[in-house]
């Protein structure tokens, strides 16, 4: 299976492996994000002798036995017998005195749960062999809170992690590497559903349409990913009733704390705050504040940041009875198709436009690099209304505003002039205005704007 994307992470891991000193690496991120494949790929590229062990949710003796057998097989020793994980790991640190060795403990939190004081044991070995061992130790895990605790002041491993990789979902461009044969329009649609999770994207069948992939993978009874969202939530949260309530409100477009509380059946504000905090730590919900009023809590909004979660709660979770009794295509056409094309994908397209700008900014391709990107809040008291622009950057010159149009038809000059007038009416005076258009543009002579189409976004 071809490994796609993650060039920066591979490069950072290989740099750690090449070091002639002992190194400890922490790799963490949510399930299905591709941590294990990243580690395995980097090990293959390194050419260094390595031991990759996936820790098991069993007893310490069982893990010791499995790890010992793996060590014997890879290092070419007769059957080894260790009495504890501490003894096993010390053997590996001693081995790394003589030769460079990579040891990866994947799903480290499973082992940590059954070996009392494991963080302290590893800290002691790191300190003991820091001047003599060429060990490259990788600790990896999916339980984000548990793995992040290794970095906390007071944890025995604090200050001993040389490289930390918090693996995030891929952006729209790396995700598109998984389905290169689709049109740019359809790449937008696929990313809008499956997001940047490599596991999901590997399941996309290039021989099928977007609609067929959606139906086969998530929007039909027994689909491969039908229960993926629920399974992930249950692995992290013991009681998901309140979570479902929150997600339903968010998927319906409610973003302010007070609106979420009133629209859901969550019992109280503190309970809702706890739920949102947990979902933010799980990186499936994000809290956003306007870049022009960051200190105003009342203007903060909560949004589902994971596309699969958003699609699931907007369509599958909302209409389970209908999905289970209808023909899959009929269900899609009645409950998904129109909303998906007219509302859902256009909003996800705004996310892609943000990611495009961030890529351009990081690669130094913008004439004026920006420091912040986000939403801009405006109020029109005379009209008794307010609103926000979704794609705005701020740099030393001021604000730059971008409109994203996932329209069938090209954007013409009159429509752009109308948009510019609406922006001016809000009082926002950006020094630059840009437009993203799915279908390109008409004649723009005389307009001083930035204009991007899908060919620009996908680098064609």
Protein backbone atom coordinates (compact mmCIF):
# COMPACT_ATOMS: atom_id res chain seq x y z
CA UNK A 1 0.00 0.00 0.00
CA UNK A 2 1.45 3.35 -1.06
CA UNK A 3 2.16 5.81 1.75
CA UNK A 4 0.84 9.28 0.96
CA UNK A 5 1.53 12.69 2.48
CA UNK A 6 3.13 13.48 5.87
CA UNK A 7 6.38 14.71 4.29
CA UNK A 8 7.22 17.09 7.16
CA UNK A 9 6.60 14.45 9.83
CA UNK A 10 8.72 11.87 7.99
CA UNK A 11 11.53 14.37 7.63
CA UNK A 12 11.48 15.24 11.36
CA UNK A 13 11.48 11.58 12.39
CA UNK A 14 14.36 10.71 10.09
CA UNK A 15 16.37 13.62 11.49
CA UNK A 16 15.88 12.21 14.99
CA UNK A 17 16.94 8.73 13.88
CA UNK A 18 20.11 10.05 12.23
CA UNK A 19 21.29 11.67 15.43
CA UNK A 20 24.23 9.97 17.14
CA UNK A 21 22.65 10.65 20.51
CA UNK A 22 19.79 9.06 22.39
CA UNK A 23 16.41 10.42 21.33
CA UNK A 24 12.87 10.08 22.70
CA UNK A 25 9.96 10.82 20.39
CA UNK A 26 6.28 11.26 21.25
CA UNK A 27 3.69 10.72 18.49
CA UNK A 28 0.02 11.14 19.34
CA UNK A 29 -3.29 11.89 17.69
CA UNK A 30 -6.82 10.58 17.38
CA UNK A 31 -7.74 7.13 16.09
CA UNK A 32 -7.48 6.51 12.33
CA UNK A 33 -5.14 9.48 11.89
CA UNK A 34 -2.27 7.31 10.60
CA UNK A 35 0.21 7.28 13.50
CA UNK A 36 1.18 3.63 13.13
CA UNK A 37 1.70 3.87 9.37
CA UNK A 38 3.74 7.05 9.82
CA UNK A 39 6.04 5.36 12.31
CA UNK A 40 6.40 2.21 10.18
CA UNK A 41 7.12 4.24 7.05
CA UNK A 42 9.76 6.33 8.78
CA UNK A 43 11.40 3.19 10.16
CA UNK A 44 11.48 1.61 6.70
CA UNK A 45 13.07 4.74 5.23
CA UNK A 46 15.69 4.91 7.99
CA UNK A 47 17.28 1.52 7.30
CA UNK A 48 18.03 1.24 11.02
CA UNK A 49 17.36 -1.97 12.91
CA UNK A 50 14.09 -1.49 14.72
CA UNK A 51 11.51 -3.07 16.97
CA UNK A 52 7.94 -1.93 16.47
CA UNK A 53 5.64 -3.24 19.19
CA UNK A 54 1.93 -2.56 19.47
CA UNK A 55 1.10 -2.71 23.17
CA UNK A 56 -1.87 -4.84 24.14
CA UNK A 57 -4.72 -4.32 26.58
CA UNK A 58 -3.61 -7.32 28.60
CA UNK A 59 -1.47 -7.98 31.65
CA UNK A 60 2.16 -6.99 32.04
CA UNK A 61 3.36 -10.62 31.78
CA UNK A 62 1.48 -11.06 28.52
CA UNK A 63 3.05 -7.93 27.05
CA UNK A 64 6.47 -8.98 28.31
CA UNK A 65 6.12 -12.37 26.63
CA UNK A 66 5.01 -10.86 23.31
CA UNK A 67 7.69 -8.16 23.28
CA UNK A 68 10.38 -10.70 24.26
CA UNK A 69 9.44 -12.96 21.37
CA UNK A 70 9.64 -10.00 18.98
CA UNK A 71 13.07 -9.00 20.28
CA UNK A 72 14.37 -12.55 19.85
CA UNK A 73 13.08 -12.69 16.30
CA UNK A 74 14.42 -9.31 15.15
CA UNK A 75 17.77 -9.34 16.95
CA UNK A 76 18.42 -13.02 16.19
CA UNK A 77 18.70 -14.22 19.79
CA UNK A 78 17.52 -17.51 21.25
CA UNK A 79 14.22 -17.33 23.07
CA UNK A 80 14.49 -14.62 25.72
CA UNK A 81 12.70 -14.61 29.04
CA UNK A 82 12.27 -11.39 31.02
CA UNK A 83 10.44 -10.97 34.30
CA UNK A 84 9.12 -7.45 33.74
CA UNK A 85 8.75 -4.64 31.26
CA UNK A 86 11.48 -2.76 33.09
CA UNK A 87 13.92 -5.61 32.56
CA UNK A 88 12.89 -5.90 28.90
CA UNK A 89 13.36 -2.21 28.20
CA UNK A 90 16.70 -2.10 29.99
CA UNK A 91 17.90 -4.92 27.76
CA UNK A 92 16.98 -2.80 24.72
CA UNK A 93 18.73 0.29 26.09
CA UNK A 94 21.87 -1.81 26.71
CA UNK A 95 21.65 -3.22 23.19
CA UNK A 96 21.51 0.32 21.82
CA UNK A 97 24.88 1.06 23.44
CA UNK A 98 26.47 -1.18 20.80
CA UNK A 99 24.32 -0.23 17.81
CA UNK A 100 21.75 2.34 16.80
CA UNK A 101 18.30 0.93 17.54
CA UNK A 102 14.75 2.22 17.07
CA UNK A 103 12.16 0.95 19.55
CA UNK A 104 8.55 1.99 18.98
CA UNK A 105 5.92 1.34 21.65
CA UNK A 106 2.64 1.97 19.87
CA UNK A 107 -0.55 2.44 21.93
CA UNK A 108 1.74 3.16 24.86
CA UNK A 109 -1.17 4.05 27.14
CA UNK A 110 -2.34 0.39 27.12
CA UNK A 111 0.98 -0.66 28.61
CA UNK A 112 1.06 2.33 30.92
CA UNK A 113 -2.28 1.28 32.40
CA UNK A 114 -1.01 -2.14 33.53
CA UNK A 115 2.59 -1.32 34.50
CA UNK A 116 2.65 0.81 37.61
CA UNK A 117 5.06 3.73 37.32
CA UNK A 118 5.99 3.02 33.70
CA UNK A 119 6.70 6.70 33.01
CA UNK A 120 9.18 6.69 35.90
CA UNK A 121 10.77 3.46 34.70
CA UNK A 122 11.40 4.92 31.25
CA UNK A 123 12.60 8.21 32.72
CA UNK A 124 15.13 6.30 34.83
CA UNK A 125 16.41 4.36 31.81
CA UNK A 126 16.66 7.50 29.68
CA UNK A 127 18.72 9.20 32.36
CA UNK A 128 20.88 6.13 33.05
CA UNK A 129 21.85 5.61 29.41
CA UNK A 130 21.76 9.20 28.12
CA UNK A 131 25.53 9.36 27.57
CA UNK A 132 26.06 5.85 26.26
CA UNK A 133 23.01 4.56 24.42
CA UNK A 134 21.99 5.32 20.84
CA UNK A 135 18.38 4.37 21.52
CA UNK A 136 15.64 6.03 19.49
CA UNK A 137 12.55 5.45 21.62
CA UNK A 138 9.13 6.23 20.17
CA UNK A 139 6.06 6.42 22.40
CA UNK A 140 2.80 6.60 20.48
CA UNK A 141 -0.88 6.55 21.38
CA UNK A 142 -4.43 7.46 20.43
CA UNK A 143 -5.72 8.58 23.82
CA UNK A 144 -4.77 12.19 23.41
CA UNK A 145 -5.27 13.27 27.03
CA UNK A 146 -3.10 10.41 28.30
CA UNK A 147 -0.33 11.07 25.80
CA UNK A 148 -0.35 14.82 26.38
CA UNK A 149 0.05 14.20 30.11
CA UNK A 150 3.57 12.91 29.37
CA UNK A 151 4.51 16.47 28.49
CA UNK A 152 3.09 17.99 31.66
CA UNK A 153 5.30 19.54 34.30
CA UNK A 154 5.40 16.99 37.09
CA UNK A 155 5.34 13.92 34.86
CA UNK A 156 8.58 11.93 35.11
CA UNK A 157 9.12 12.28 31.35
CA UNK A 158 8.78 16.06 31.43
CA UNK A 159 11.77 17.59 29.65
CA UNK A 160 12.92 14.24 28.24
CA UNK A 161 10.89 14.20 25.03
CA UNK A 162 13.14 15.38 22.19
CA UNK A 163 10.52 15.47 19.44
CA UNK A 164 6.74 15.76 19.76
CA UNK A 165 4.42 15.10 16.82
CA UNK A 166 0.76 15.88 17.39
CA UNK A 167 -0.55 14.27 14.23
CA UNK A 168 -3.42 16.25 12.74
CA UNK A 169 -5.83 15.41 9.92
CA UNK A 170 -4.39 16.04 6.48
CA UNK A 171 -5.45 19.19 4.69
CA UNK A 172 -7.51 19.17 1.49
CA UNK A 173 -4.48 18.91 -0.82
CA UNK A 174 -2.79 15.93 0.84
CA UNK A 175 -6.20 14.26 1.19
CA UNK A 176 -6.70 14.57 -2.57
CA UNK A 177 -3.65 12.34 -3.10
CA UNK A 178 -5.92 9.44 -2.16
CA UNK A 179 -8.37 10.12 -5.00
CA UNK A 180 -6.40 11.78 -7.82
CA UNK A 181 -8.65 10.61 -10.67
CA UNK A 182 -11.69 12.59 -9.49
CA UNK A 183 -12.49 16.04 -10.88
CA UNK A 184 -11.60 19.05 -8.73
CA UNK A 185 -15.30 19.60 -8.01
CA UNK A 186 -15.57 16.06 -6.70
CA UNK A 187 -12.37 16.37 -4.70
CA UNK A 188 -14.08 19.20 -2.81
CA UNK A 189 -17.15 17.03 -2.24
CA UNK A 190 -15.10 14.04 -1.05
CA UNK A 191 -13.06 16.14 1.35
CA UNK A 192 -16.31 17.64 2.64
CA UNK A 193 -17.40 14.17 3.78
CA UNK A 194 -14.27 12.19 4.57
CA UNK A 195 -12.00 15.02 5.66
CA UNK A 196 -8.33 14.49 6.27
CA UNK A 197 -8.38 11.08 7.93
CA UNK A 198 -6.18 8.69 5.90
CA UNK A 199 -8.12 5.57 6.93
CA UNK A 200 -11.35 6.98 5.51
CA UNK A 201 -9.74 8.25 2.34
CA UNK A 202 -8.12 4.90 1.56
CA UNK A 203 -11.59 3.39 1.35
CA UNK A 204 -12.73 5.71 -1.46
CA UNK A 205 -13.24 3.76 -4.67
CA UNK A 206 -12.10 5.64 -7.77
CA UNK A 207 -14.36 3.44 -9.88
CA UNK A 208 -17.46 4.85 -8.23
CA UNK A 209 -19.08 8.28 -8.17
CA UNK A 210 -19.02 10.56 -5.14
CA UNK A 211 -22.64 9.65 -4.45
CA UNK A 212 -21.90 5.92 -4.67
CA UNK A 213 -18.91 6.25 -2.33
CA UNK A 214 -20.97 8.16 0.22
CA UNK A 215 -23.77 5.60 0.10
CA UNK A 216 -21.44 2.59 0.24
CA UNK A 217 -19.20 3.95 3.00
CA UNK A 218 -21.51 5.81 5.38
CA UNK A 219 -25.06 6.55 4.19
CA UNK A 220 -26.61 3.08 4.07
CA UNK A 221 -27.36 0.30 6.59
CA UNK A 222 -24.26 -1.76 7.26
CA UNK A 223 -21.95 0.68 5.49
CA UNK A 224 -18.25 0.35 6.33
CA UNK A 225 -18.15 3.61 8.27
CA UNK A 226 -21.76 3.75 9.48
CA UNK A 227 -20.78 3.23 13.13
CA UNK A 228 -17.32 4.79 12.94
CA UNK A 229 -18.30 8.04 14.66
CA UNK A 230 -20.18 6.30 17.49
CA UNK A 231 -17.37 3.80 18.06
CA UNK A 232 -14.82 6.57 18.32
CA UNK A 233 -16.94 8.52 20.79
CA UNK A 234 -17.56 5.46 22.95
CA UNK A 235 -13.83 4.73 23.07
CA UNK A 236 -13.24 8.17 24.58
CA UNK A 237 -16.46 8.99 26.46
CA UNK A 238 -18.44 6.71 28.78
CA UNK A 239 -21.77 8.56 28.46
CA UNK A 240 -22.54 9.94 25.02
CA UNK A 241 -26.16 11.03 25.46
CA UNK A 242 -25.18 14.65 26.11
CA UNK A 243 -22.57 14.41 23.36
CA UNK A 244 -25.22 13.40 20.84
CA UNK A 245 -27.39 16.31 21.94
CA UNK A 246 -24.52 18.75 21.44
CA UNK A 247 -23.56 17.37 18.05
CA UNK A 248 -27.16 17.54 16.83
CA UNK A 249 -27.33 21.22 17.78
CA UNK A 250 -23.98 21.98 16.17
CA UNK A 251 -24.86 20.06 12.98
CA UNK A 252 -28.06 22.11 12.74
CA UNK A 253 -26.05 25.32 12.63
CA UNK A 254 -26.24 26.50 16.25
CA UNK A 255 -22.81 27.71 17.33
CA UNK A 256 -23.21 30.10 20.27
CA UNK A 257 -23.05 28.57 23.74
CA UNK A 258 -26.46 29.86 24.77
CA UNK A 259 -28.07 28.60 21.57
CA UNK A 260 -26.53 25.14 21.93
CA UNK A 261 -27.79 24.99 25.51
CA UNK A 262 -31.33 26.03 24.57
CA UNK A 263 -31.55 23.76 21.53
CA UNK A 264 -30.19 20.65 23.24
CA UNK A 265 -31.44 18.79 26.28
CA UNK A 266 -28.18 19.17 28.16
CA UNK A 267 -29.13 19.81 31.77
CA UNK A 268 -26.96 22.82 32.63
CA UNK A 269 -24.36 25.27 31.45
CA UNK A 270 -21.51 23.63 33.42
CA UNK A 271 -22.42 20.23 31.94
CA UNK A 272 -22.41 21.69 28.44
CA UNK A 273 -19.06 23.38 29.10
CA UNK A 274 -17.58 20.04 30.18
CA UNK A 275 -18.90 18.28 27.07
CA UNK A 276 -17.58 20.96 24.72
CA UNK A 277 -14.21 21.01 26.47
CA UNK A 278 -13.86 17.24 26.03
CA UNK A 279 -14.83 17.39 22.35
CA UNK A 280 -12.33 20.19 21.76
CA UNK A 281 -9.57 18.11 23.37
CA UNK A 282 -10.60 15.22 21.10
CA UNK A 283 -10.16 17.66 18.18
CA UNK A 284 -13.59 17.03 16.68
CA UNK A 285 -15.00 20.40 17.77
CA UNK A 286 -13.28 23.76 17.59
CA UNK A 287 -13.99 27.00 19.45
CA UNK A 288 -13.56 30.09 17.30
CA UNK A 289 -13.56 33.76 18.25
CA UNK A 290 -13.59 36.63 15.73
CA UNK A 291 -10.09 37.82 14.93
CA UNK A 292 -11.31 41.39 15.46
CA UNK A 293 -12.74 40.73 18.95
CA UNK A 294 -10.88 37.80 20.48
CA UNK A 295 -11.60 38.75 24.07
CA UNK A 296 -15.39 38.75 23.70
CA UNK A 297 -16.66 35.41 25.00
CA UNK A 298 -20.20 36.18 23.83
CA UNK A 299 -19.03 36.13 20.22
CA UNK A 300 -17.24 32.80 20.52
CA UNK A 301 -18.68 30.02 18.41
CA UNK A 302 -18.37 26.22 18.50
CA UNK A 303 -18.17 24.23 15.30
CA UNK A 304 -17.74 20.60 14.30
CA UNK A 305 -14.24 20.52 12.82
CA UNK A 306 -14.25 16.90 11.67
CA UNK A 307 -16.04 16.52 8.34
CA UNK A 308 -17.09 12.91 8.94
CA UNK A 309 -18.68 13.86 12.27
CA UNK A 310 -20.49 16.77 10.66
CA UNK A 311 -21.83 14.66 7.79
CA UNK A 312 -22.87 11.87 10.15
CA UNK A 313 -24.83 14.09 12.53
CA UNK A 314 -26.34 16.22 9.77
CA UNK A 315 -27.71 13.29 7.79
CA UNK A 316 -27.18 9.77 9.16
CA UNK A 317 -27.86 10.35 12.86
CA UNK A 318 -30.79 12.64 12.07
CA UNK A 319 -32.63 10.18 9.80
CA UNK A 320 -31.81 6.63 10.98
CA UNK A 321 -35.33 5.24 10.64
CA UNK A 322 -35.68 6.48 7.10
CA UNK A 323 -32.24 5.20 6.11
CA UNK A 324 -33.01 1.73 7.43
CA UNK A 325 -36.24 1.28 5.46
CA UNK A 326 -35.51 3.12 2.21
CA UNK A 327 -33.55 2.24 -0.88
CA UNK A 328 -30.08 3.85 -0.32
CA UNK A 329 -30.25 5.94 -3.48
CA UNK A 330 -33.77 7.12 -2.70
CA UNK A 331 -32.66 8.03 0.83
CA UNK A 332 -29.70 9.99 -0.52
CA UNK A 333 -31.83 11.83 -3.07
CA UNK A 334 -34.50 12.79 -0.53
CA UNK A 335 -32.54 13.58 2.62
CA UNK A 336 -29.02 14.44 1.50
CA UNK A 337 -28.65 15.52 -2.12
CA UNK A 338 -30.10 19.06 -2.25
CA UNK A 339 -28.86 20.23 1.15
CA UNK A 340 -25.47 18.63 0.52
CA UNK A 341 -24.94 20.50 -2.73
CA UNK A 342 -26.48 23.86 -1.85
CA UNK A 343 -25.45 24.31 1.81
CA UNK A 344 -23.16 21.61 3.19
CA UNK A 345 -20.39 21.53 0.56
CA UNK A 346 -20.26 25.34 0.09
CA UNK A 347 -19.54 25.76 3.82
CA UNK A 348 -16.86 23.05 3.70
CA UNK A 349 -15.42 24.82 0.65
CA UNK A 350 -14.71 27.79 2.90
CA UNK A 351 -12.54 25.49 5.04
CA UNK A 352 -10.62 24.42 1.94
CA UNK A 353 -10.08 28.07 1.00
CA UNK A 354 -8.67 28.75 4.45
CA UNK A 355 -6.35 25.77 4.16
CA UNK A 356 -5.21 26.96 0.73
CA UNK A 357 -4.30 30.37 2.15
CA UNK A 358 -2.47 28.77 5.08
CA UNK A 359 -0.45 26.62 2.67
CA UNK A 360 0.43 29.65 0.56
CA UNK A 361 1.38 31.58 3.69
CA UNK A 362 3.63 28.83 5.07
CA UNK A 363 5.36 28.43 1.71
CA UNK A 364 6.09 32.17 1.50
CA UNK A 365 3.95 32.66 -1.62
CA UNK A 366 1.97 35.65 -0.34
CA UNK A 367 3.23 39.18 -0.93
CA UNK A 368 2.28 40.03 2.63
CA UNK A 369 2.37 37.07 5.06
CA UNK A 370 -0.49 37.05 7.53
CA UNK A 371 -0.34 36.37 11.25
CA UNK A 372 -3.94 35.30 11.79
CA UNK A 373 -6.79 33.81 9.85
CA UNK A 374 -10.38 33.32 10.94
CA UNK A 375 -13.81 34.93 11.09
CA UNK A 376 -14.53 38.65 11.27
CA UNK A 377 -17.57 39.82 13.25
CA UNK A 378 -19.56 42.91 12.31
CA UNK A 379 -22.64 44.67 13.72
CA UNK A 380 -25.12 46.95 11.99
CA UNK A 381 -27.16 48.53 14.83
CA UNK A 382 -29.17 50.70 12.45
CA UNK A 383 -30.38 47.57 10.67
CA UNK A 384 -30.68 45.55 13.87
CA UNK A 385 -28.52 42.77 12.54
CA UNK A 386 -25.04 41.36 12.77
CA UNK A 387 -23.00 38.76 10.94
CA UNK A 388 -19.54 37.51 10.14
CA UNK A 389 -17.19 36.95 7.27
CA UNK A 390 -15.74 33.45 7.35
CA UNK A 391 -12.38 33.82 5.60
CA UNK A 392 -10.42 36.85 6.76
CA UNK A 393 -6.68 37.24 7.32
CA UNK A 394 -4.81 39.88 9.28
CA UNK A 395 -1.29 41.08 8.60
CA UNK A 396 0.68 44.24 9.28
CA UNK A 397 -1.26 46.11 6.57
CA UNK A 398 -4.65 45.22 7.99
CA UNK A 399 -7.38 42.83 6.98
CA UNK A 400 -7.75 40.86 3.75
CA UNK A 401 -11.19 39.39 3.07
CA UNK A 402 -11.99 36.42 0.84
CA UNK A 403 -15.36 35.26 -0.45
CA UNK A 404 -15.77 31.57 -1.35
CA UNK A 405 -18.34 30.67 -4.02
CA UNK A 406 -19.05 27.02 -4.75
CA UNK A 407 -21.41 27.94 -7.58
CA UNK A 408 -22.24 26.06 -10.78
CA UNK A 409 -21.75 29.22 -12.82
CA UNK A 410 -18.73 31.48 -13.00
CA UNK A 411 -18.61 34.60 -10.86
CA UNK A 412 -19.12 37.72 -12.95
CA UNK A 413 -18.07 41.34 -12.49
CA UNK A 414 -21.48 42.60 -11.32
CA UNK A 415 -21.66 39.93 -8.63
CA UNK A 416 -18.20 40.86 -7.39
CA UNK A 417 -19.08 44.56 -7.29
CA UNK A 418 -22.22 43.73 -5.32
CA UNK A 419 -20.19 41.67 -2.83
CA UNK A 420 -17.70 44.51 -2.44
CA UNK A 421 -20.54 46.93 -1.72
CA UNK A 422 -21.96 44.62 0.94
CA UNK A 423 -18.56 44.44 2.58
CA UNK A 424 -18.27 48.23 2.52
CA UNK A 425 -21.73 48.58 4.08
CA UNK A 426 -20.59 46.63 7.15
CA UNK A 427 -17.83 49.13 7.88
CA UNK A 428 -15.03 46.68 7.24
CA UNK A 429 -12.39 48.25 5.03
CA UNK A 430 -10.02 45.48 4.00
CA UNK A 431 -6.96 46.55 2.08
CA UNK A 432 -7.43 43.52 -0.14
CA UNK A 433 -10.42 41.48 -1.30
CA UNK A 434 -10.18 38.05 -2.88
CA UNK A 435 -12.61 35.58 -4.39
CA UNK A 436 -12.53 31.80 -4.65
CA UNK A 437 -14.78 30.34 -7.34
CA UNK A 438 -15.57 26.73 -8.16
CA UNK A 439 -16.41 27.60 -11.77
CA UNK A 440 -13.99 30.41 -12.51
CA UNK A 441 -14.74 34.02 -13.38
CA UNK A 442 -16.18 36.19 -16.10
CA UNK A 443 -14.47 39.32 -17.39
CA UNK A 444 -12.75 41.01 -14.44
CA UNK A 445 -11.14 43.93 -16.30
CA UNK A 446 -10.69 46.95 -14.07
CA UNK A 447 -11.15 45.05 -10.79
CA UNK A 448 -8.32 45.06 -8.28
CA UNK A 449 -8.98 41.73 -6.58
CA UNK A 450 -7.34 38.35 -6.07
CA UNK A 451 -9.20 35.61 -7.96
CA UNK A 452 -8.68 31.86 -7.44
CA UNK A 453 -10.42 28.93 -9.07
CA UNK A 454 -10.16 25.19 -8.39
CA UNK A 455 -7.14 24.85 -10.67
CA UNK A 456 -5.30 27.31 -8.44
CA UNK A 457 -6.45 25.54 -5.28
CA UNK A 458 -5.37 22.09 -6.49
CA UNK A 459 -2.19 23.29 -8.15
CA UNK A 460 -3.00 22.54 -11.78
